[in-house]
Amino acid sequence: MKNVNRSNELPFIIETRKFNYPQWYRTHTDIHRQRTEPTLQYVAFIESWAKRTWLVPNIIKLRRTKKETIVYGFFSGFIYITLFQMFHIFTISLLNVYLGNNLRCLIIL
């Protein structure tokens, strides 16, 4: 198992909640194009796990608008920060300067 970033990386098909055989064969072939078959226990585990998985929408994407999105380049990727999040980061960084790096506090607004 691995962490997933997109729904198409899940080991099951979202609509049917069944095991995704095409993805398995795409990622589990050796250098000679020999396929390794998944075991029945593994398929049963993935399908039982898929039934219990909750799929939720990306809440941040629903709340932000194009105008308040600021794009920062960070190494090879990008970080999208809204103005509201930027305000919180700025406020916390000011408190870190004011309180010093030895003292940490949690602010819930």
N, C-alpha and C. Protein backbone atom coordinates (compact mmCIF):
# COMPACT_ATOMS: atom_id res chain seq x y z
N MET A 1 0.84 -1.19 0.00
CA MET A 1 0.00 0.00 0.00
C MET A 1 0.88 1.25 0.00
N LYS A 2 0.33 2.32 -0.51
CA LYS A 2 1.05 3.59 -0.55
C LYS A 2 0.05 4.72 -0.39
N ASN A 3 0.56 5.88 -0.13
CA ASN A 3 -0.31 7.05 -0.07
C ASN A 3 -0.74 7.43 -1.48
N VAL A 4 -1.95 7.95 -1.59
CA VAL A 4 -2.45 8.36 -2.90
C VAL A 4 -2.74 9.85 -2.89
N ASN A 5 -2.52 10.49 -4.02
CA ASN A 5 -2.81 11.91 -4.17
C ASN A 5 -4.05 12.16 -5.00
N ARG A 6 -4.36 11.26 -5.89
CA ARG A 6 -5.50 11.40 -6.78
C ARG A 6 -6.37 10.15 -6.68
N SER A 7 -7.63 10.30 -7.05
CA SER A 7 -8.54 9.17 -6.95
C SER A 7 -8.21 8.08 -7.96
N ASN A 8 -7.55 8.43 -9.06
CA ASN A 8 -7.21 7.38 -10.02
C ASN A 8 -6.04 6.52 -9.57
N GLU A 9 -5.39 6.87 -8.46
CA GLU A 9 -4.31 6.06 -7.92
C GLU A 9 -4.82 5.02 -6.92
N LEU A 10 -6.10 5.05 -6.60
CA LEU A 10 -6.65 4.07 -5.67
C LEU A 10 -6.62 2.69 -6.30
N PRO A 11 -6.46 1.64 -5.50
CA PRO A 11 -6.39 0.29 -6.07
C PRO A 11 -7.75 -0.30 -6.43
N PHE A 12 -8.80 0.51 -6.41
CA PHE A 12 -10.12 0.03 -6.80
C PHE A 12 -10.80 1.07 -7.68
N ILE A 13 -11.80 0.63 -8.43
CA ILE A 13 -12.57 1.52 -9.29
C ILE A 13 -13.61 2.21 -8.42
N ILE A 14 -13.68 3.52 -8.48
CA ILE A 14 -14.51 4.29 -7.55
C ILE A 14 -15.99 3.99 -7.74
N GLU A 15 -16.45 3.92 -8.99
CA GLU A 15 -17.88 3.76 -9.25
C GLU A 15 -18.41 2.41 -8.78
N THR A 16 -17.63 1.34 -8.98
CA THR A 16 -18.10 0.00 -8.65
C THR A 16 -17.53 -0.53 -7.34
N ARG A 17 -16.48 0.09 -6.84
CA ARG A 17 -15.76 -0.36 -5.64
C ARG A 17 -15.19 -1.77 -5.80
N LYS A 18 -14.83 -2.12 -7.03
CA LYS A 18 -14.21 -3.41 -7.32
C LYS A 18 -12.73 -3.20 -7.58
N PHE A 19 -11.97 -4.29 -7.48
CA PHE A 19 -10.52 -4.25 -7.66
C PHE A 19 -10.18 -3.76 -9.06
N ASN A 20 -9.16 -2.91 -9.17
CA ASN A 20 -8.76 -2.32 -10.44
C ASN A 20 -7.66 -3.19 -11.08
N TYR A 21 -8.09 -4.17 -11.86
CA TYR A 21 -7.13 -5.07 -12.51
C TYR A 21 -6.24 -4.37 -13.54
N PRO A 22 -6.77 -3.47 -14.39
CA PRO A 22 -5.87 -2.80 -15.35
C PRO A 22 -4.73 -2.02 -14.68
N GLN A 23 -5.03 -1.36 -13.58
CA GLN A 23 -3.98 -0.63 -12.87
C GLN A 23 -2.97 -1.61 -12.25
N TRP A 24 -3.45 -2.73 -11.73
CA TRP A 24 -2.56 -3.73 -11.14
C TRP A 24 -1.58 -4.24 -12.19
N TYR A 25 -2.10 -4.61 -13.37
CA TYR A 25 -1.23 -5.15 -14.41
C TYR A 25 -0.29 -4.09 -14.98
N ARG A 26 -0.69 -2.83 -14.95
CA ARG A 26 0.16 -1.76 -15.44
C ARG A 26 1.35 -1.54 -14.51
N THR A 27 1.16 -1.75 -13.22
CA THR A 27 2.23 -1.47 -12.27
C THR A 27 2.97 -2.73 -11.80
N HIS A 28 2.43 -3.91 -12.06
CA HIS A 28 3.05 -5.14 -11.58
C HIS A 28 3.46 -6.04 -12.74
N THR A 29 4.25 -5.52 -13.64
CA THR A 29 4.86 -6.32 -14.70
C THR A 29 6.37 -6.18 -14.58
N ASP A 30 7.06 -7.27 -14.92
CA ASP A 30 8.51 -7.21 -14.82
C ASP A 30 9.12 -6.76 -16.14
N ILE A 31 10.43 -6.85 -16.25
CA ILE A 31 11.13 -6.33 -17.41
C ILE A 31 10.81 -7.11 -18.68
N HIS A 32 10.39 -8.37 -18.53
CA HIS A 32 10.06 -9.21 -19.69
C HIS A 32 8.56 -9.20 -19.99
N ARG A 33 7.84 -8.23 -19.45
CA ARG A 33 6.39 -8.09 -19.63
C ARG A 33 5.61 -9.28 -19.06
N GLN A 34 6.17 -9.92 -18.05
CA GLN A 34 5.47 -11.01 -17.38
C GLN A 34 4.61 -10.42 -16.27
N ARG A 35 3.35 -10.78 -16.27
CA ARG A 35 2.42 -10.27 -15.26
C ARG A 35 2.49 -11.11 -14.00
N THR A 36 2.34 -10.44 -12.88
CA THR A 36 2.15 -11.16 -11.62
C THR A 36 0.70 -11.02 -11.23
N GLU A 37 0.06 -12.12 -10.94
CA GLU A 37 -1.36 -12.12 -10.60
C GLU A 37 -1.55 -11.75 -9.13
N PRO A 38 -2.56 -10.95 -8.82
CA PRO A 38 -2.84 -10.67 -7.41
C PRO A 38 -3.48 -11.89 -6.76
N THR A 39 -3.20 -12.08 -5.49
CA THR A 39 -3.80 -13.21 -4.79
C THR A 39 -5.27 -12.91 -4.49
N LEU A 40 -6.04 -13.96 -4.29
CA LEU A 40 -7.46 -13.79 -3.99
C LEU A 40 -7.66 -13.08 -2.65
N GLN A 41 -6.77 -13.33 -1.69
CA GLN A 41 -6.87 -12.67 -0.39
C GLN A 41 -6.63 -11.17 -0.53
N TYR A 42 -5.68 -10.79 -1.37
CA TYR A 42 -5.39 -9.37 -1.58
C TYR A 42 -6.57 -8.67 -2.25
N VAL A 43 -7.16 -9.31 -3.26
CA VAL A 43 -8.32 -8.73 -3.95
C VAL A 43 -9.49 -8.58 -2.98
N ALA A 44 -9.72 -9.60 -2.16
CA ALA A 44 -10.81 -9.53 -1.18
C ALA A 44 -10.55 -8.43 -0.16
N PHE A 45 -9.30 -8.27 0.26
CA PHE A 45 -8.97 -7.21 1.22
C PHE A 45 -9.21 -5.83 0.61
N ILE A 46 -8.78 -5.61 -0.63
CA ILE A 46 -8.96 -4.31 -1.29
C ILE A 46 -10.44 -4.01 -1.47
N GLU A 47 -11.24 -5.01 -1.87
CA GLU A 47 -12.67 -4.77 -2.08
C GLU A 47 -13.40 -4.52 -0.77
N SER A 48 -13.00 -5.20 0.31
CA SER A 48 -13.63 -4.92 1.61
C SER A 48 -13.21 -3.54 2.12
N TRP A 49 -11.97 -3.17 1.85
CA TRP A 49 -11.48 -1.85 2.24
C TRP A 49 -12.19 -0.76 1.43
N ALA A 50 -12.47 -1.05 0.14
CA ALA A 50 -13.14 -0.08 -0.73
C ALA A 50 -14.57 0.18 -0.27
N LYS A 51 -15.23 -0.83 0.27
CA LYS A 51 -16.61 -0.64 0.75
C LYS A 51 -16.66 0.28 1.96
N ARG A 52 -15.59 0.27 2.75
CA ARG A 52 -15.56 1.09 3.97
C ARG A 52 -14.95 2.47 3.75
N THR A 53 -14.44 2.74 2.55
CA THR A 53 -13.76 4.01 2.27
C THR A 53 -14.78 5.10 1.99
N TRP A 54 -14.60 6.24 2.64
CA TRP A 54 -15.43 7.42 2.38
C TRP A 54 -14.70 8.31 1.40
N LEU A 55 -15.40 8.71 0.36
CA LEU A 55 -14.83 9.63 -0.62
C LEU A 55 -15.42 11.01 -0.37
N VAL A 56 -14.58 11.96 -0.03
CA VAL A 56 -15.04 13.31 0.28
C VAL A 56 -14.43 14.29 -0.72
N PRO A 57 -15.15 15.36 -1.06
CA PRO A 57 -14.59 16.33 -2.01
C PRO A 57 -13.50 17.17 -1.36
N ASN A 58 -12.72 17.80 -2.19
CA ASN A 58 -11.66 18.69 -1.73
C ASN A 58 -12.31 19.98 -1.24
N ILE A 59 -12.33 20.19 0.06
CA ILE A 59 -13.05 21.31 0.65
C ILE A 59 -12.35 22.64 0.34
N ILE A 60 -11.03 22.65 0.35
CA ILE A 60 -10.30 23.88 0.07
C ILE A 60 -10.58 24.34 -1.36
N LYS A 61 -10.66 23.40 -2.28
CA LYS A 61 -10.92 23.75 -3.67
C LYS A 61 -12.31 24.36 -3.83
N LEU A 62 -13.27 23.89 -3.03
CA LEU A 62 -14.63 24.42 -3.12
C LEU A 62 -14.73 25.82 -2.51
N ARG A 63 -13.90 26.13 -1.52
CA ARG A 63 -14.02 27.40 -0.80
C ARG A 63 -13.26 28.55 -1.45
N ARG A 64 -12.20 28.27 -2.17
CA ARG A 64 -11.38 29.35 -2.69
C ARG A 64 -11.86 29.78 -4.07
N THR A 65 -11.55 31.01 -4.41
CA THR A 65 -11.84 31.53 -5.74
C THR A 65 -10.53 31.79 -6.46
N LYS A 66 -10.62 32.03 -7.75
CA LYS A 66 -9.40 32.27 -8.54
C LYS A 66 -8.71 33.57 -8.13
N LYS A 67 -9.49 34.58 -7.72
CA LYS A 67 -8.90 35.88 -7.38
C LYS A 67 -8.03 35.80 -6.13
N GLU A 68 -8.43 34.98 -5.16
CA GLU A 68 -7.69 34.97 -3.90
C GLU A 68 -6.64 33.87 -3.84
N THR A 69 -6.31 33.26 -4.95
CA THR A 69 -5.29 32.22 -4.98
C THR A 69 -3.95 32.83 -5.37
N ILE A 70 -2.93 32.54 -4.58
CA ILE A 70 -1.58 33.00 -4.86
C ILE A 70 -0.72 31.76 -5.07
N VAL A 71 0.04 31.72 -6.15
CA VAL A 71 0.83 30.55 -6.49
C VAL A 71 2.28 30.82 -6.09
N TYR A 72 2.84 29.92 -5.31
CA TYR A 72 4.24 30.00 -4.92
C TYR A 72 4.97 28.80 -5.50
N GLY A 73 6.11 29.02 -6.14
CA GLY A 73 6.93 27.91 -6.59
C GLY A 73 7.73 27.39 -5.41
N PHE A 74 7.71 26.10 -5.19
CA PHE A 74 8.41 25.49 -4.07
C PHE A 74 9.12 24.25 -4.60
N PHE A 75 10.42 24.33 -4.77
CA PHE A 75 11.21 23.27 -5.36
C PHE A 75 10.63 22.90 -6.72
N SER A 76 10.16 21.67 -6.89
CA SER A 76 9.65 21.27 -8.21
C SER A 76 8.14 21.38 -8.29
N GLY A 77 7.46 21.66 -7.19
CA GLY A 77 6.01 21.74 -7.21
C GLY A 77 5.53 23.13 -6.92
N PHE A 78 4.24 23.28 -6.78
CA PHE A 78 3.64 24.56 -6.48
C PHE A 78 2.75 24.42 -5.25
N ILE A 79 2.70 25.49 -4.47
CA ILE A 79 1.82 25.54 -3.31
C ILE A 79 0.79 26.62 -3.58
N TYR A 80 -0.47 26.28 -3.46
CA TYR A 80 -1.54 27.24 -3.65
C TYR A 80 -1.99 27.72 -2.27
N ILE A 81 -1.85 28.99 -2.02
CA ILE A 81 -2.21 29.55 -0.73
C ILE A 81 -3.26 30.63 -0.97
N THR A 82 -4.36 30.53 -0.26
CA THR A 82 -5.37 31.58 -0.37
C THR A 82 -4.97 32.74 0.53
N LEU A 83 -5.59 33.88 0.31
CA LEU A 83 -5.28 35.05 1.13
C LEU A 83 -5.63 34.80 2.59
N PHE A 84 -6.70 34.05 2.85
CA PHE A 84 -7.09 33.75 4.23
C PHE A 84 -6.01 32.91 4.91
N GLN A 85 -5.50 31.89 4.19
CA GLN A 85 -4.43 31.07 4.75
C GLN A 85 -3.16 31.89 4.92
N MET A 86 -2.90 32.79 3.98
CA MET A 86 -1.71 33.63 4.06
C MET A 86 -1.76 34.54 5.28
N PHE A 87 -2.96 35.04 5.62
CA PHE A 87 -3.12 35.86 6.81
C PHE A 87 -2.77 35.06 8.06
N HIS A 88 -3.22 33.80 8.12
CA HIS A 88 -2.89 32.97 9.28
C HIS A 88 -1.40 32.68 9.36
N ILE A 89 -0.77 32.41 8.22
CA ILE A 89 0.67 32.15 8.22
C ILE A 89 1.43 33.40 8.66
N PHE A 90 1.01 34.57 8.16
CA PHE A 90 1.66 35.83 8.53
C PHE A 90 1.48 36.11 10.02
N THR A 91 0.26 35.87 10.55
CA THR A 91 0.00 36.11 11.97
C THR A 91 0.84 35.19 12.84
N ILE A 92 0.92 33.92 12.47
CA ILE A 92 1.69 32.97 13.26
C ILE A 92 3.18 33.29 13.18
N SER A 93 3.66 33.72 12.00
CA SER A 93 5.08 34.07 11.91
C SER A 93 5.40 35.30 12.74
N LEU A 94 4.48 36.27 12.81
CA LEU A 94 4.69 37.43 13.68
C LEU A 94 4.72 37.02 15.14
N LEU A 95 3.84 36.11 15.53
CA LEU A 95 3.84 35.64 16.92
C LEU A 95 5.11 34.87 17.24
N ASN A 96 5.63 34.11 16.27
CA ASN A 96 6.88 33.40 16.51
C ASN A 96 8.03 34.39 16.73
N VAL A 97 8.04 35.48 15.97
CA VAL A 97 9.08 36.49 16.16
C VAL A 97 8.89 37.17 17.51
N TYR A 98 7.65 37.49 17.86
CA TYR A 98 7.38 38.19 19.10
C TYR A 98 7.65 37.30 20.32
N LEU A 99 7.20 36.04 20.26
CA LEU A 99 7.36 35.15 21.40
C LEU A 99 8.71 34.45 21.42
N GLY A 100 9.40 34.45 20.31
CA GLY A 100 10.67 33.75 20.24
C GLY A 100 10.48 32.34 19.73
N ASN A 101 11.55 31.74 19.27
CA ASN A 101 11.46 30.40 18.71
C ASN A 101 11.36 29.32 19.77
N ASN A 102 11.69 29.62 21.02
CA ASN A 102 11.63 28.61 22.08
C ASN A 102 10.20 28.36 22.55
N LEU A 103 9.33 29.32 22.38
CA LEU A 103 7.96 29.19 22.88
C LEU A 103 7.02 29.02 21.70
N ARG A 104 6.28 27.93 21.70
CA ARG A 104 5.32 27.66 20.63
C ARG A 104 3.92 27.72 21.21
N CYS A 105 2.98 28.21 20.43
CA CYS A 105 1.60 28.26 20.89
C CYS A 105 0.68 27.87 19.75
N LEU A 106 -0.49 27.37 20.08
CA LEU A 106 -1.48 26.97 19.10
C LEU A 106 -2.59 28.01 19.10
N ILE A 107 -2.85 28.57 17.94
CA ILE A 107 -3.88 29.59 17.82
C ILE A 107 -5.00 29.02 16.97
N ILE A 108 -6.19 29.01 17.49
CA ILE A 108 -7.36 28.55 16.74
C ILE A 108 -8.28 29.74 16.59
N LEU A 109 -8.46 30.17 15.36
CA LEU A 109 -9.32 31.32 15.09
C LEU A 109 -10.64 30.88 14.53
